[in-house]
Amino acid sequence: AAFGNRADVLSAAIPAGGQLTARAAARMYAA
């Protein structure tokens, strides 16, 4: 949590992870 709440981590491109809503992620997989 400490790492994942950091502003620099959340705004950087670290594309082994992402920021998403469930409905957006489900919509992507549906497409």
Full PDB file with SEQRES, HELIX, SHEET, SSBOND, CRYST1, ORIGX, SCALE, CONECT and MASTER records, all heavy atoms in Angstrom:
SEQRES   1 A   31  ALA ALA PHE GLY ASN ARG ALA ASP VAL LEU SER ALA ALA          
SEQRES   2 A   31  ILE PRO ALA GLY GLY GLN LEU THR ALA ARG ALA ALA ALA          
SEQRES   3 A   31  ARG MET TYR ALA ALA                                          
HELIX    1 AA1 ALA A    7  SER A   11  1                                   5    
HELIX    2 AA2 ALA A   22  ALA A   30  1                                   9    
CRYST1    1.000    1.000    1.000  90.00  90.00  90.00 P 1           1          
ORIGX1      1.000000  0.000000  0.000000        0.00000                         
ORIGX2      0.000000  1.000000  0.000000        0.00000                         
ORIGX3      0.000000  0.000000  1.000000        0.00000                         
SCALE1      1.000000  0.000000  0.000000        0.00000                         
SCALE2      0.000000  1.000000  0.000000        0.00000                         
SCALE3      0.000000  0.000000  1.000000        0.00000                         
ATOM      1  N   ALA A   1       0.828  -1.203   0.000  1.00  0.00           N  
ATOM      2  CA  ALA A   1       0.000   0.000   0.000  1.00  0.00           C  
ATOM      3  C   ALA A   1       0.864   1.256   0.000  1.00  0.00           C  
ATOM      4  O   ALA A   1       0.569   2.220  -0.725  1.00  0.00           O  
ATOM      5  CB  ALA A   1      -0.932  -0.014   1.209  1.00  0.00           C  
ATOM      6  N   ALA A   2       1.916   1.272   0.798  1.00  0.00           N  
ATOM      7  CA  ALA A   2       2.779   2.451   0.862  1.00  0.00           C  
ATOM      8  C   ALA A   2       3.367   2.764  -0.502  1.00  0.00           C  
ATOM      9  O   ALA A   2       3.427   3.933  -0.922  1.00  0.00           O  
ATOM     10  CB  ALA A   2       3.885   2.240   1.892  1.00  0.00           C  
ATOM     11  N   PHE A   3       3.794   1.730  -1.210  1.00  0.00           N  
ATOM     12  CA  PHE A   3       4.348   1.927  -2.551  1.00  0.00           C  
ATOM     13  C   PHE A   3       3.253   2.352  -3.532  1.00  0.00           C  
ATOM     14  O   PHE A   3       3.411   3.298  -4.303  1.00  0.00           O  
ATOM     15  CB  PHE A   3       5.020   0.639  -3.018  1.00  0.00           C  
ATOM     16  CG  PHE A   3       5.539   0.692  -4.422  1.00  0.00           C  
ATOM     17  CD1 PHE A   3       6.725   1.335  -4.717  1.00  0.00           C  
ATOM     18  CD2 PHE A   3       4.839   0.091  -5.462  1.00  0.00           C  
ATOM     19  CE1 PHE A   3       7.206   1.392  -6.019  1.00  0.00           C  
ATOM     20  CE2 PHE A   3       5.307   0.133  -6.762  1.00  0.00           C  
ATOM     21  CZ  PHE A   3       6.501   0.789  -7.034  1.00  0.00           C  
ATOM     22  N   GLY A   4       2.115   1.646  -3.495  1.00  0.00           N  
ATOM     23  CA  GLY A   4       1.056   1.901  -4.462  1.00  0.00           C  
ATOM     24  C   GLY A   4       0.269   3.175  -4.233  1.00  0.00           C  
ATOM     25  O   GLY A   4      -0.519   3.570  -5.100  1.00  0.00           O  
ATOM     26  N   ASN A   5       0.476   3.830  -3.092  1.00  0.00           N  
ATOM     27  CA  ASN A   5      -0.179   5.116  -2.841  1.00  0.00           C  
ATOM     28  C   ASN A   5       0.716   6.306  -3.179  1.00  0.00           C  
ATOM     29  O   ASN A   5       0.264   7.452  -3.064  1.00  0.00           O  
ATOM     30  CB  ASN A   5      -0.609   5.211  -1.370  1.00  0.00           C  
ATOM     31  CG  ASN A   5      -1.833   4.369  -1.058  1.00  0.00           C  
ATOM     32  OD1 ASN A   5      -2.680   4.133  -1.920  1.00  0.00           O  
ATOM     33  ND2 ASN A   5      -1.930   3.893   0.176  1.00  0.00           N  
ATOM     34  N   ARG A   6       1.958   6.052  -3.549  1.00  0.00           N  
ATOM     35  CA  ARG A   6       2.890   7.145  -3.855  1.00  0.00           C  
ATOM     36  C   ARG A   6       2.460   7.880  -5.121  1.00  0.00           C  
ATOM     37  O   ARG A   6       2.179   7.253  -6.162  1.00  0.00           O  
ATOM     38  CB  ARG A   6       4.305   6.618  -4.037  1.00  0.00           C  
ATOM     39  CG  ARG A   6       4.992   6.154  -2.770  1.00  0.00           C  
ATOM     40  CD  ARG A   6       6.360   5.579  -3.071  1.00  0.00           C  
ATOM     41  NE  ARG A   6       7.234   6.545  -3.743  1.00  0.00           N  
ATOM     42  CZ  ARG A   6       8.456   6.869  -3.321  1.00  0.00           C  
ATOM     43  NH1 ARG A   6       8.953   6.320  -2.218  1.00  0.00           N  
ATOM     44  NH2 ARG A   6       9.189   7.737  -4.008  1.00  0.00           N  
ATOM     45  N   ALA A   7       2.449   9.193  -5.077  1.00  0.00           N  
ATOM     46  CA  ALA A   7       2.037   9.987  -6.237  1.00  0.00           C  
ATOM     47  C   ALA A   7       2.964   9.767  -7.422  1.00  0.00           C  
ATOM     48  O   ALA A   7       2.508   9.687  -8.571  1.00  0.00           O  
ATOM     49  CB  ALA A   7       1.985  11.464  -5.866  1.00  0.00           C  
ATOM     50  N   ASP A   8       4.286   9.667  -7.170  1.00  0.00           N  
ATOM     51  CA  ASP A   8       5.209   9.500  -8.291  1.00  0.00           C  
ATOM     52  C   ASP A   8       5.027   8.138  -8.950  1.00  0.00           C  
ATOM     53  O   ASP A   8       5.101   8.018 -10.185  1.00  0.00           O  
ATOM     54  CB  ASP A   8       6.663   9.706  -7.851  1.00  0.00           C  
ATOM     55  CG  ASP A   8       7.108   8.792  -6.719  1.00  0.00           C  
ATOM     56  OD1 ASP A   8       6.258   8.135  -6.092  1.00  0.00           O  
ATOM     57  OD2 ASP A   8       8.326   8.747  -6.443  1.00  0.00           O  
ATOM     58  N   VAL A   9       4.745   7.107  -8.167  1.00  0.00           N  
ATOM     59  CA  VAL A   9       4.514   5.773  -8.720  1.00  0.00           C  
ATOM     60  C   VAL A   9       3.227   5.742  -9.532  1.00  0.00           C  
ATOM     61  O   VAL A   9       3.170   5.185 -10.633  1.00  0.00           O  
ATOM     62  CB  VAL A   9       4.470   4.727  -7.584  1.00  0.00           C  
ATOM     63  CG1 VAL A   9       3.924   3.396  -8.072  1.00  0.00           C  
ATOM     64  CG2 VAL A   9       5.859   4.553  -6.971  1.00  0.00           C  
ATOM     65  N   LEU A  10       2.188   6.357  -9.017  1.00  0.00           N  
ATOM     66  CA  LEU A  10       0.891   6.337  -9.696  1.00  0.00           C  
ATOM     67  C   LEU A  10       0.895   7.136 -10.989  1.00  0.00           C  
ATOM     68  O   LEU A  10       0.154   6.817 -11.924  1.00  0.00           O  
ATOM     69  CB  LEU A  10      -0.190   6.879  -8.764  1.00  0.00           C  
ATOM     70  CG  LEU A  10      -0.525   6.002  -7.558  1.00  0.00           C  
ATOM     71  CD1 LEU A  10      -1.392   6.763  -6.571  1.00  0.00           C  
ATOM     72  CD2 LEU A  10      -1.203   4.714  -8.000  1.00  0.00           C  
ATOM     73  N   SER A  11       1.712   8.164 -11.065  1.00  0.00           N  
ATOM     74  CA  SER A  11       1.722   8.994 -12.270  1.00  0.00           C  
ATOM     75  C   SER A  11       2.794   8.581 -13.274  1.00  0.00           C  
ATOM     76  O   SER A  11       2.780   9.046 -14.414  1.00  0.00           O  
ATOM     77  CB  SER A  11       1.900  10.473 -11.897  1.00  0.00           C  
ATOM     78  OG  SER A  11       3.108  10.677 -11.187  1.00  0.00           O  
ATOM     79  N   ALA A  12       3.701   7.692 -12.863  1.00  0.00           N  
ATOM     80  CA  ALA A  12       4.737   7.223 -13.779  1.00  0.00           C  
ATOM     81  C   ALA A  12       4.215   6.077 -14.633  1.00  0.00           C  
ATOM     82  O   ALA A  12       3.231   5.408 -14.285  1.00  0.00           O  
ATOM     83  CB  ALA A  12       5.964   6.767 -12.989  1.00  0.00           C  
ATOM     84  N   ALA A  13       4.891   5.838 -15.742  1.00  0.00           N  
ATOM     85  CA  ALA A  13       4.595   4.659 -16.551  1.00  0.00           C  
ATOM     86  C   ALA A  13       5.382   3.490 -15.973  1.00  0.00           C  
ATOM     87  O   ALA A  13       6.596   3.398 -16.132  1.00  0.00           O  
ATOM     88  CB  ALA A  13       4.981   4.887 -18.003  1.00  0.00           C  
ATOM     89  N   ILE A  14       4.689   2.613 -15.250  1.00  0.00           N  
ATOM     90  CA  ILE A  14       5.266   1.360 -14.748  1.00  0.00           C  
ATOM     91  C   ILE A  14       4.302   0.277 -15.216  1.00  0.00           C  
ATOM     92  O   ILE A  14       3.462  -0.220 -14.462  1.00  0.00           O  
ATOM     93  CB  ILE A  14       5.409   1.382 -13.210  1.00  0.00           C  
ATOM     94  CG1 ILE A  14       6.213   2.604 -12.768  1.00  0.00           C  
ATOM     95  CG2 ILE A  14       6.091   0.105 -12.722  1.00  0.00           C  
ATOM     96  CD1 ILE A  14       6.332   2.765 -11.253  1.00  0.00           C  
ATOM     97  N   PRO A  15       4.354  -0.087 -16.505  1.00  0.00           N  
ATOM     98  CA  PRO A  15       3.254  -0.828 -17.122  1.00  0.00           C  
ATOM     99  C   PRO A  15       3.199  -2.318 -16.798  1.00  0.00           C  
ATOM    100  O   PRO A  15       2.490  -3.060 -17.473  1.00  0.00           O  
ATOM    101  CB  PRO A  15       3.482  -0.585 -18.620  1.00  0.00           C  
ATOM    102  CG  PRO A  15       4.946  -0.311 -18.739  1.00  0.00           C  
ATOM    103  CD  PRO A  15       5.355   0.356 -17.479  1.00  0.00           C  
ATOM    104  N   ALA A  16       3.900  -2.746 -15.746  1.00  0.00           N  
ATOM    105  CA  ALA A  16       3.614  -4.065 -15.182  1.00  0.00           C  
ATOM    106  C   ALA A  16       2.372  -3.994 -14.314  1.00  0.00           C  
ATOM    107  O   ALA A  16       1.820  -5.014 -13.910  1.00  0.00           O  
ATOM    108  CB  ALA A  16       4.802  -4.560 -14.361  1.00  0.00           C  
ATOM    109  N   GLY A  17       1.916  -2.789 -14.017  1.00  0.00           N  
ATOM    110  CA  GLY A  17       0.684  -2.551 -13.277  1.00  0.00           C  
ATOM    111  C   GLY A  17      -0.081  -1.437 -13.949  1.00  0.00           C  
ATOM    112  O   GLY A  17       0.406  -0.808 -14.895  1.00  0.00           O  
ATOM    113  N   GLY A  18      -1.274  -1.172 -13.454  1.00  0.00           N  
ATOM    114  CA  GLY A  18      -2.076  -0.117 -14.051  1.00  0.00           C  
ATOM    115  C   GLY A  18      -3.095   0.415 -13.078  1.00  0.00           C  
ATOM    116  O   GLY A  18      -3.249  -0.093 -11.967  1.00  0.00           O  
ATOM    117  N   GLN A  19      -3.774   1.454 -13.506  1.00  0.00           N  
ATOM    118  CA  GLN A  19      -4.824   2.068 -12.697  1.00  0.00           C  
ATOM    119  C   GLN A  19      -6.121   1.976 -13.512  1.00  0.00           C  
ATOM    120  O   GLN A  19      -6.150   2.393 -14.673  1.00  0.00           O  
ATOM    121  CB  GLN A  19      -4.484   3.527 -12.368  1.00  0.00           C  
ATOM    122  CG  GLN A  19      -3.178   3.695 -11.584  1.00  0.00           C  
ATOM    123  CD  GLN A  19      -1.947   3.620 -12.468  1.00  0.00           C  
ATOM    124  OE1 GLN A  19      -1.963   4.029 -13.624  1.00  0.00           O  
ATOM    125  NE2 GLN A  19      -0.861   3.089 -11.929  1.00  0.00           N  
ATOM    126  N   LEU A  20      -7.142   1.436 -12.895  1.00  0.00           N  
ATOM    127  CA  LEU A  20      -8.330   1.116 -13.678  1.00  0.00           C  
ATOM    128  C   LEU A  20      -9.566   1.017 -12.806  1.00  0.00           C  
ATOM    129  O   LEU A  20      -9.476   0.826 -11.595  1.00  0.00           O  
ATOM    130  CB  LEU A  20      -8.102  -0.202 -14.416  1.00  0.00           C  
ATOM    131  CG  LEU A  20      -7.569  -1.372 -13.573  1.00  0.00           C  
ATOM    132  CD1 LEU A  20      -8.688  -2.251 -13.054  1.00  0.00           C  
ATOM    133  CD2 LEU A  20      -6.591  -2.205 -14.385  1.00  0.00           C  
ATOM    134  N   THR A  21     -10.707   1.169 -13.446  1.00  0.00           N  
ATOM    135  CA  THR A  21     -11.967   0.801 -12.826  1.00  0.00           C  
ATOM    136  C   THR A  21     -12.330  -0.592 -13.322  1.00  0.00           C  
ATOM    137  O   THR A  21     -11.903  -1.018 -14.403  1.00  0.00           O  
ATOM    138  CB  THR A  21     -13.096   1.776 -13.189  1.00  0.00           C  
ATOM    139  OG1 THR A  21     -13.373   1.667 -14.606  1.00  0.00           O  
ATOM    140  CG2 THR A  21     -12.728   3.216 -12.840  1.00  0.00           C  
ATOM    141  N   ALA A  22     -13.142  -1.285 -12.540  1.00  0.00           N  
ATOM    142  CA  ALA A  22     -13.554  -2.625 -12.955  1.00  0.00           C  
ATOM    143  C   ALA A  22     -14.336  -2.562 -14.268  1.00  0.00           C  
ATOM    144  O   ALA A  22     -14.151  -3.401 -15.151  1.00  0.00           O  
ATOM    145  CB  ALA A  22     -14.383  -3.283 -11.864  1.00  0.00           C  
ATOM    146  N   ARG A  23     -15.213  -1.560 -14.404  1.00  0.00           N  
ATOM    147  CA  ARG A  23     -16.035  -1.522 -15.611  1.00  0.00           C  
ATOM    148  C   ARG A  23     -15.198  -1.217 -16.854  1.00  0.00           C  
ATOM    149  O   ARG A  23     -15.487  -1.717 -17.936  1.00  0.00           O  
ATOM    150  CB  ARG A  23     -17.178  -0.521 -15.462  1.00  0.00           C  
ATOM    151  CG  ARG A  23     -16.760   0.928 -15.391  1.00  0.00           C  
ATOM    152  CD  ARG A  23     -17.951   1.841 -15.182  1.00  0.00           C  
ATOM    153  NE  ARG A  23     -17.559   3.247 -15.118  1.00  0.00           N  
ATOM    154  CZ  ARG A  23     -18.396   4.232 -14.828  1.00  0.00           C  
ATOM    155  NH1 ARG A  23     -19.671   3.966 -14.571  1.00  0.00           N  
ATOM    156  NH2 ARG A  23     -17.978   5.500 -14.794  1.00  0.00           N  
ATOM    157  N   ALA A  24     -14.125  -0.422 -16.709  1.00  0.00           N  
ATOM    158  CA  ALA A  24     -13.266  -0.128 -17.856  1.00  0.00           C  
ATOM    159  C   ALA A  24     -12.447  -1.344 -18.250  1.00  0.00           C  
ATOM    160  O   ALA A  24     -12.277  -1.642 -19.440  1.00  0.00           O  
ATOM    161  CB  ALA A  24     -12.358   1.053 -17.541  1.00  0.00           C  
ATOM    162  N   ALA A  25     -11.894  -2.060 -17.253  1.00  0.00           N  
ATOM    163  CA  ALA A  25     -11.102  -3.247 -17.551  1.00  0.00           C  
ATOM    164  C   ALA A  25     -11.966  -4.336 -18.171  1.00  0.00           C  
ATOM    165  O   ALA A  25     -11.574  -4.992 -19.146  1.00  0.00           O  
ATOM    166  CB  ALA A  25     -10.428  -3.757 -16.286  1.00  0.00           C  
ATOM    167  N   ALA A  26     -13.164  -4.538 -17.628  1.00  0.00           N  
ATOM    168  CA  ALA A  26     -14.067  -5.533 -18.196  1.00  0.00           C  
ATOM    169  C   ALA A  26     -14.471  -5.145 -19.619  1.00  0.00           C  
ATOM    170  O   ALA A  26     -14.590  -6.010 -20.503  1.00  0.00           O  
ATOM    171  CB  ALA A  26     -15.305  -5.678 -17.318  1.00  0.00           C  
ATOM    172  N   ARG A  27     -14.665  -3.858 -19.846  1.00  0.00           N  
ATOM    173  CA  ARG A  27     -15.029  -3.384 -21.188  1.00  0.00           C  
ATOM    174  C   ARG A  27     -13.896  -3.652 -22.179  1.00  0.00           C  
ATOM    175  O   ARG A  27     -14.137  -4.048 -23.323  1.00  0.00           O  
ATOM    176  CB  ARG A  27     -15.355  -1.895 -21.119  1.00  0.00           C  
ATOM    177  CG  ARG A  27     -15.925  -1.287 -22.402  1.00  0.00           C  
ATOM    178  CD  ARG A  27     -16.366   0.152 -22.142  1.00  0.00           C  
ATOM    179  NE  ARG A  27     -16.861   0.814 -23.329  1.00  0.00           N  
ATOM    180  CZ  ARG A  27     -18.109   0.749 -23.792  1.00  0.00           C  
ATOM    181  NH1 ARG A  27     -19.000   0.021 -23.154  1.00  0.00           N  
ATOM    182  NH2 ARG A  27     -18.477   1.417 -24.876  1.00  0.00           N  
ATOM    183  N   MET A  28     -12.656  -3.437 -21.739  1.00  0.00           N  
ATOM    184  CA  MET A  28     -11.508  -3.704 -22.616  1.00  0.00           C  
ATOM    185  C   MET A  28     -11.456  -5.184 -22.995  1.00  0.00           C  
ATOM    186  O   MET A  28     -11.292  -5.536 -24.175  1.00  0.00           O  
ATOM    187  CB  MET A  28     -10.214  -3.290 -21.928  1.00  0.00           C  
ATOM    188  CG  MET A  28      -8.973  -3.485 -22.793  1.00  0.00           C  
ATOM    189  SD  MET A  28      -7.437  -3.471 -21.834  1.00  0.00           S  
ATOM    190  CE  MET A  28      -7.469  -5.137 -21.134  1.00  0.00           C  
ATOM    191  N   TYR A  29     -11.592  -6.063 -22.004  1.00  0.00           N  
ATOM    192  CA  TYR A  29     -11.563  -7.494 -22.306  1.00  0.00           C  
ATOM    193  C   TYR A  29     -12.751  -7.896 -23.179  1.00  0.00           C  
ATOM    194  O   TYR A  29     -12.619  -8.754 -24.067  1.00  0.00           O  
ATOM    195  CB  TYR A  29     -11.546  -8.312 -21.018  1.00  0.00           C  
ATOM    196  CG  TYR A  29     -10.154  -8.509 -20.445  1.00  0.00           C  
ATOM    197  CD1 TYR A  29      -9.658  -7.684 -19.448  1.00  0.00           C  
ATOM    198  CD2 TYR A  29      -9.324  -9.535 -20.910  1.00  0.00           C  
ATOM    199  CE1 TYR A  29      -8.382  -7.863 -18.926  1.00  0.00           C  
ATOM    200  CE2 TYR A  29      -8.052  -9.725 -20.394  1.00  0.00           C  
ATOM    201  CZ  TYR A  29      -7.581  -8.889 -19.402  1.00  0.00           C  
ATOM    202  OH  TYR A  29      -6.322  -9.065 -18.893  1.00  0.00           O  
ATOM    203  N   ALA A  30     -13.909  -7.276 -22.941  1.00  0.00           N  
ATOM    204  CA  ALA A  30     -15.072  -7.566 -23.782  1.00  0.00           C  
ATOM    205  C   ALA A  30     -14.803  -7.193 -25.231  1.00  0.00           C  
ATOM    206  O   ALA A  30     -15.253  -7.882 -26.157  1.00  0.00           O  
ATOM    207  CB  ALA A  30     -16.294  -6.818 -23.258  1.00  0.00           C  
ATOM    208  N   ALA A  31     -14.053  -6.112 -25.438  1.00  0.00           N  
ATOM    209  CA  ALA A  31     -13.750  -5.664 -26.800  1.00  0.00           C  
ATOM    210  C   ALA A  31     -12.650  -6.491 -27.448  1.00  0.00           C  
ATOM    211  O   ALA A  31     -12.410  -6.360 -28.656  1.00  0.00           O  
ATOM    212  CB  ALA A  31     -13.358  -4.180 -26.784  1.00  0.00           C  
TER     213      ALA A  31                                                      
MASTER        0    0    0    2    0    0    0    6  212    1    0    3          
END                                                                             
